[in-house]
């Protein structure tokens, strides 16, 4: 209500919560019309992203952390560093009522 951004453990219905990968990346915009496609041309969208988001870090002219796959060259390092949502989120399909979202607010995305 006050414009503050809060993070939840609720993920898109397309996210495979066990792998932290989109289940249908190619068709995601068609299946989820409000899917956010980040672009360097639209940096205003980065403010709502977690501080560890590569787009956000780059737009803030900050270095990517060593665990980031673009630095390490290995996709698994994000999981090993505990920075992944793998097995940490639930699907939006599990939420029955919008009020239930308040029960799923988390602070862990705020880690840098």
N, C-alpha and C. Protein backbone atom coordinates (compact mmCIF):
# COMPACT_ATOMS: atom_id res chain seq x y z
N UNK A 1 0.81 -1.21 0.00
CA UNK A 1 0.00 0.00 0.00
C UNK A 1 0.84 1.27 0.00
N UNK A 2 2.04 1.20 0.61
CA UNK A 2 2.88 2.39 0.71
C UNK A 2 3.97 2.46 -0.35
N UNK A 3 3.97 1.52 -1.29
CA UNK A 3 4.96 1.52 -2.36
C UNK A 3 6.26 0.81 -2.02
N UNK A 4 6.39 0.34 -0.79
CA UNK A 4 7.60 -0.38 -0.38
C UNK A 4 7.65 -1.73 -1.10
N UNK A 5 8.83 -2.10 -1.57
CA UNK A 5 9.02 -3.39 -2.21
C UNK A 5 9.34 -4.42 -1.14
N UNK A 6 8.59 -5.50 -1.14
CA UNK A 6 8.89 -6.63 -0.25
C UNK A 6 9.02 -7.87 -1.11
N UNK A 7 9.80 -8.80 -0.63
CA UNK A 7 10.02 -10.04 -1.37
C UNK A 7 9.29 -11.17 -0.69
N UNK A 8 8.81 -12.10 -1.51
CA UNK A 8 8.13 -13.27 -0.97
C UNK A 8 8.82 -14.52 -1.49
N UNK A 9 8.46 -15.64 -0.90
CA UNK A 9 8.96 -16.93 -1.36
C UNK A 9 8.02 -17.53 -2.40
N UNK A 10 7.17 -16.70 -2.98
CA UNK A 10 6.20 -17.14 -3.98
C UNK A 10 6.79 -16.92 -5.37
N UNK A 11 6.82 -17.98 -6.15
CA UNK A 11 7.44 -17.92 -7.48
C UNK A 11 6.41 -18.10 -8.58
N UNK A 12 6.77 -17.69 -9.74
CA UNK A 12 5.95 -17.86 -10.94
C UNK A 12 5.57 -19.33 -11.11
N UNK A 13 4.39 -19.54 -11.64
CA UNK A 13 3.91 -20.91 -11.86
C UNK A 13 4.80 -21.70 -12.82
N UNK A 14 5.57 -21.00 -13.64
CA UNK A 14 6.44 -21.70 -14.60
C UNK A 14 7.78 -22.11 -13.99
N UNK A 15 8.12 -21.57 -12.83
CA UNK A 15 9.42 -21.90 -12.25
C UNK A 15 9.42 -23.32 -11.71
N UNK A 16 10.42 -24.07 -12.12
CA UNK A 16 10.65 -25.39 -11.54
C UNK A 16 11.39 -25.12 -10.24
N UNK A 17 10.72 -25.27 -9.12
CA UNK A 17 11.32 -24.89 -7.84
C UNK A 17 12.49 -25.79 -7.43
N UNK A 18 12.60 -26.96 -8.03
CA UNK A 18 13.70 -27.86 -7.74
C UNK A 18 14.98 -27.55 -8.50
N UNK A 19 14.85 -26.86 -9.62
CA UNK A 19 16.03 -26.51 -10.41
C UNK A 19 16.27 -25.00 -10.48
N UNK A 20 15.25 -24.23 -10.11
CA UNK A 20 15.29 -22.76 -10.19
C UNK A 20 15.41 -22.28 -11.64
N UNK A 21 14.81 -23.04 -12.53
CA UNK A 21 14.81 -22.68 -13.96
C UNK A 21 13.38 -22.57 -14.45
N UNK A 22 13.18 -21.71 -15.42
CA UNK A 22 11.85 -21.56 -16.02
C UNK A 22 11.48 -22.85 -16.74
N UNK A 23 10.26 -23.30 -16.51
CA UNK A 23 9.80 -24.54 -17.12
C UNK A 23 9.43 -24.41 -18.59
N UNK A 24 9.26 -23.17 -19.05
CA UNK A 24 8.92 -22.96 -20.46
C UNK A 24 9.42 -21.58 -20.89
N UNK A 25 10.72 -21.41 -20.84
CA UNK A 25 11.36 -20.12 -21.10
C UNK A 25 10.97 -19.54 -22.45
N UNK A 26 10.91 -20.37 -23.45
CA UNK A 26 10.62 -19.90 -24.81
C UNK A 26 9.23 -19.24 -24.91
N UNK A 27 8.25 -19.81 -24.21
CA UNK A 27 6.87 -19.32 -24.32
C UNK A 27 6.42 -18.53 -23.09
N UNK A 28 7.34 -18.14 -22.23
CA UNK A 28 6.97 -17.54 -20.95
C UNK A 28 6.12 -16.28 -21.08
N UNK A 29 6.42 -15.42 -22.03
CA UNK A 29 5.64 -14.19 -22.19
C UNK A 29 4.21 -14.49 -22.67
N UNK A 30 4.06 -15.51 -23.43
CA UNK A 30 2.72 -15.89 -23.89
C UNK A 30 1.93 -16.53 -22.75
N UNK A 31 2.59 -17.36 -21.95
CA UNK A 31 1.92 -18.06 -20.87
C UNK A 31 1.73 -17.20 -19.63
N UNK A 32 2.64 -16.26 -19.42
CA UNK A 32 2.58 -15.35 -18.27
C UNK A 32 2.79 -13.93 -18.81
N UNK A 33 1.71 -13.29 -19.24
CA UNK A 33 1.84 -11.98 -19.90
C UNK A 33 2.57 -10.91 -19.09
N UNK A 34 2.51 -10.99 -17.75
CA UNK A 34 3.21 -9.98 -16.96
C UNK A 34 4.62 -10.41 -16.55
N UNK A 35 5.14 -11.44 -17.21
CA UNK A 35 6.51 -11.87 -16.97
C UNK A 35 7.44 -10.69 -17.28
N UNK A 36 8.33 -10.40 -16.36
CA UNK A 36 9.25 -9.28 -16.54
C UNK A 36 10.46 -9.74 -17.34
N UNK A 37 10.62 -9.17 -18.52
CA UNK A 37 11.80 -9.44 -19.33
C UNK A 37 12.75 -8.28 -19.11
N UNK A 38 13.81 -8.52 -18.37
CA UNK A 38 14.75 -7.45 -18.05
C UNK A 38 15.57 -7.08 -19.28
N UNK A 39 15.82 -5.80 -19.39
CA UNK A 39 16.60 -5.28 -20.50
C UNK A 39 17.46 -4.13 -19.99
N UNK A 40 18.67 -4.05 -20.46
CA UNK A 40 19.57 -2.96 -20.07
C UNK A 40 18.99 -1.61 -20.49
N UNK A 41 18.07 -1.62 -21.43
CA UNK A 41 17.44 -0.38 -21.89
C UNK A 41 16.37 0.14 -20.94
N UNK A 42 16.00 -0.67 -19.95
CA UNK A 42 14.95 -0.28 -19.00
C UNK A 42 15.42 -0.47 -17.56
N UNK A 43 16.44 0.29 -17.15
CA UNK A 43 17.03 0.09 -15.82
C UNK A 43 16.09 0.40 -14.66
N UNK A 44 14.99 1.11 -14.89
CA UNK A 44 14.05 1.40 -13.81
C UNK A 44 13.45 0.13 -13.23
N UNK A 45 13.40 -0.94 -14.00
CA UNK A 45 12.85 -2.21 -13.53
C UNK A 45 13.79 -2.89 -12.52
N UNK A 46 15.06 -2.51 -12.52
CA UNK A 46 16.04 -3.17 -11.67
C UNK A 46 15.85 -2.85 -10.19
N UNK A 47 15.25 -1.72 -9.88
CA UNK A 47 15.09 -1.31 -8.48
C UNK A 47 14.27 -2.32 -7.68
N UNK A 48 13.38 -3.02 -8.34
CA UNK A 48 12.55 -4.01 -7.65
C UNK A 48 13.23 -5.37 -7.56
N UNK A 49 14.36 -5.52 -8.19
CA UNK A 49 15.07 -6.80 -8.18
C UNK A 49 15.93 -6.91 -6.93
N UNK A 50 16.22 -8.13 -6.48
CA UNK A 50 17.10 -8.30 -5.32
C UNK A 50 18.47 -7.68 -5.58
N UNK A 51 19.16 -7.28 -4.53
CA UNK A 51 20.47 -6.65 -4.68
C UNK A 51 21.51 -7.52 -5.41
N UNK A 52 21.31 -8.82 -5.45
CA UNK A 52 22.26 -9.72 -6.12
C UNK A 52 21.98 -9.88 -7.61
N UNK A 53 20.91 -9.28 -8.11
CA UNK A 53 20.54 -9.39 -9.52
C UNK A 53 21.66 -8.80 -10.39
N UNK A 54 22.12 -9.58 -11.37
CA UNK A 54 23.21 -9.14 -12.23
C UNK A 54 22.85 -7.86 -12.98
N UNK A 55 21.64 -7.77 -13.50
CA UNK A 55 21.23 -6.55 -14.20
C UNK A 55 21.33 -5.34 -13.28
N UNK A 56 20.87 -5.51 -12.05
CA UNK A 56 20.90 -4.40 -11.10
C UNK A 56 22.34 -4.03 -10.76
N UNK A 57 23.16 -5.02 -10.46
CA UNK A 57 24.55 -4.74 -10.12
C UNK A 57 25.28 -4.02 -11.25
N UNK A 58 25.08 -4.49 -12.46
CA UNK A 58 25.75 -3.87 -13.61
C UNK A 58 25.26 -2.43 -13.80
N UNK A 59 23.94 -2.22 -13.65
CA UNK A 59 23.41 -0.86 -13.83
C UNK A 59 23.92 0.08 -12.74
N UNK A 60 24.24 -0.47 -11.55
CA UNK A 60 24.80 0.32 -10.46
C UNK A 60 26.33 0.40 -10.54
N UNK A 61 26.88 -0.14 -11.64
CA UNK A 61 28.33 -0.15 -11.87
C UNK A 61 29.09 -0.86 -10.75
N UNK A 62 28.48 -1.97 -10.29
CA UNK A 62 29.10 -2.78 -9.24
C UNK A 62 29.58 -4.08 -9.85
N UNK A 63 30.54 -4.70 -9.21
CA UNK A 63 31.06 -5.98 -9.67
C UNK A 63 30.09 -7.10 -9.34
N UNK A 64 30.06 -8.09 -10.21
CA UNK A 64 29.30 -9.29 -9.92
C UNK A 64 30.08 -10.11 -8.90
N UNK A 65 29.38 -10.79 -7.99
CA UNK A 65 30.07 -11.61 -6.99
C UNK A 65 30.72 -12.83 -7.63
N UNK A 66 31.70 -13.38 -6.96
CA UNK A 66 32.45 -14.52 -7.51
C UNK A 66 31.59 -15.74 -7.75
N UNK A 67 30.48 -15.88 -7.04
CA UNK A 67 29.60 -17.03 -7.22
C UNK A 67 28.71 -16.90 -8.44
N UNK A 68 28.63 -15.71 -9.01
CA UNK A 68 27.73 -15.52 -10.15
C UNK A 68 28.22 -16.32 -11.35
N UNK A 69 27.34 -17.05 -12.02
CA UNK A 69 27.76 -17.88 -13.17
C UNK A 69 28.47 -17.10 -14.28
N UNK A 70 28.16 -15.82 -14.43
CA UNK A 70 28.87 -15.03 -15.44
C UNK A 70 30.33 -14.79 -15.07
N UNK A 71 30.64 -14.92 -13.78
CA UNK A 71 32.02 -14.78 -13.30
C UNK A 71 32.68 -16.15 -13.18
N UNK A 72 31.97 -17.08 -12.54
CA UNK A 72 32.55 -18.41 -12.27
C UNK A 72 32.59 -19.29 -13.51
N UNK A 73 31.65 -19.02 -14.44
CA UNK A 73 31.56 -19.87 -15.62
C UNK A 73 30.83 -21.18 -15.36
N UNK A 74 30.27 -21.31 -14.15
CA UNK A 74 29.58 -22.55 -13.77
C UNK A 74 28.22 -22.23 -13.16
N UNK A 75 27.14 -22.73 -13.74
CA UNK A 75 25.81 -22.42 -13.21
C UNK A 75 25.59 -22.89 -11.77
N UNK A 76 26.30 -23.90 -11.35
CA UNK A 76 26.09 -24.48 -10.01
C UNK A 76 26.59 -23.57 -8.89
N UNK A 77 27.49 -22.63 -9.17
CA UNK A 77 28.06 -21.81 -8.10
C UNK A 77 27.02 -20.95 -7.39
N UNK A 78 25.99 -20.52 -8.08
CA UNK A 78 24.94 -19.73 -7.43
C UNK A 78 24.22 -20.58 -6.38
N UNK A 79 24.04 -21.85 -6.65
CA UNK A 79 23.40 -22.75 -5.69
C UNK A 79 24.34 -23.06 -4.52
N UNK A 80 25.60 -23.31 -4.83
CA UNK A 80 26.59 -23.62 -3.79
C UNK A 80 26.78 -22.45 -2.82
N UNK A 81 26.62 -21.24 -3.31
CA UNK A 81 26.78 -20.05 -2.48
C UNK A 81 25.52 -19.74 -1.66
N UNK A 82 24.46 -20.51 -1.88
CA UNK A 82 23.22 -20.27 -1.15
C UNK A 82 22.45 -19.06 -1.65
N UNK A 83 22.71 -18.64 -2.87
CA UNK A 83 22.06 -17.46 -3.43
C UNK A 83 20.93 -17.81 -4.40
N UNK A 84 20.66 -19.06 -4.56
CA UNK A 84 19.64 -19.53 -5.48
C UNK A 84 18.28 -19.65 -4.78
N UNK A 85 17.22 -19.60 -5.56
CA UNK A 85 15.89 -19.86 -5.01
C UNK A 85 15.54 -21.34 -5.07
N UNK A 86 16.46 -22.14 -5.57
CA UNK A 86 16.20 -23.58 -5.69
C UNK A 86 15.79 -24.16 -4.33
N UNK A 87 14.63 -24.80 -4.33
CA UNK A 87 14.06 -25.44 -3.13
C UNK A 87 13.78 -24.45 -1.99
N UNK A 88 13.68 -23.16 -2.30
CA UNK A 88 13.41 -22.15 -1.27
C UNK A 88 12.10 -21.41 -1.51
N UNK A 89 11.45 -21.68 -2.62
CA UNK A 89 10.23 -20.96 -2.96
C UNK A 89 9.09 -21.94 -3.24
N UNK A 90 7.90 -21.39 -3.25
CA UNK A 90 6.72 -22.19 -3.59
C UNK A 90 6.08 -21.59 -4.84
N UNK A 91 5.32 -22.38 -5.53
CA UNK A 91 4.64 -21.91 -6.73
C UNK A 91 3.44 -21.04 -6.38
N UNK A 92 3.22 -20.04 -7.20
CA UNK A 92 2.05 -19.19 -7.01
C UNK A 92 0.75 -19.99 -7.07
N UNK A 93 0.78 -21.16 -7.67
CA UNK A 93 -0.42 -21.98 -7.75
C UNK A 93 -0.83 -22.51 -6.38
N UNK A 94 0.06 -22.45 -5.40
CA UNK A 94 -0.24 -22.91 -4.04
C UNK A 94 -0.92 -21.83 -3.20
N UNK A 95 -0.99 -20.61 -3.72
CA UNK A 95 -1.59 -19.50 -2.98
C UNK A 95 -3.07 -19.41 -3.35
N UNK A 96 -3.93 -19.55 -2.37
CA UNK A 96 -5.37 -19.56 -2.60
C UNK A 96 -5.93 -18.15 -2.59
N UNK A 97 -5.49 -17.34 -1.65
CA UNK A 97 -6.03 -16.00 -1.44
C UNK A 97 -4.88 -15.00 -1.41
N UNK A 98 -5.08 -13.84 -2.01
CA UNK A 98 -4.02 -12.82 -2.02
C UNK A 98 -3.54 -12.48 -0.62
N UNK A 99 -4.41 -12.55 0.36
CA UNK A 99 -4.02 -12.26 1.74
C UNK A 99 -2.97 -13.25 2.24
N UNK A 100 -2.98 -14.47 1.67
CA UNK A 100 -2.00 -15.49 2.06
C UNK A 100 -0.58 -15.04 1.73
N UNK A 101 -0.43 -14.14 0.77
CA UNK A 101 0.91 -13.69 0.38
C UNK A 101 1.66 -13.06 1.55
N UNK A 102 0.93 -12.42 2.44
CA UNK A 102 1.57 -11.77 3.59
C UNK A 102 2.29 -12.79 4.48
N UNK A 103 1.85 -14.03 4.45
CA UNK A 103 2.48 -15.09 5.24
C UNK A 103 3.78 -15.58 4.60
N UNK A 104 4.09 -15.09 3.42
CA UNK A 104 5.25 -15.60 2.68
C UNK A 104 6.31 -14.53 2.41
N UNK A 105 6.26 -13.42 3.14
CA UNK A 105 7.28 -12.38 3.00
C UNK A 105 8.59 -12.90 3.59
N UNK A 106 9.68 -12.67 2.88
CA UNK A 106 11.00 -13.13 3.32
C UNK A 106 12.00 -11.98 3.24
N UNK A 107 13.11 -12.13 3.95
CA UNK A 107 14.17 -11.11 3.92
C UNK A 107 15.43 -11.61 3.24
N UNK A 108 15.52 -12.92 2.98
CA UNK A 108 16.77 -13.46 2.45
C UNK A 108 17.19 -12.93 1.09
N UNK A 109 16.31 -12.41 0.23
CA UNK A 109 16.84 -11.88 -1.04
C UNK A 109 17.68 -10.63 -0.85
N UNK A 110 17.68 -10.06 0.32
CA UNK A 110 18.40 -8.81 0.54
C UNK A 110 19.91 -9.02 0.70
N UNK A 111 20.35 -10.26 0.79
CA UNK A 111 21.80 -10.53 0.87
C UNK A 111 22.49 -10.08 -0.41
N UNK A 112 23.66 -9.53 -0.26
CA UNK A 112 24.47 -9.14 -1.43
C UNK A 112 25.47 -10.21 -1.71
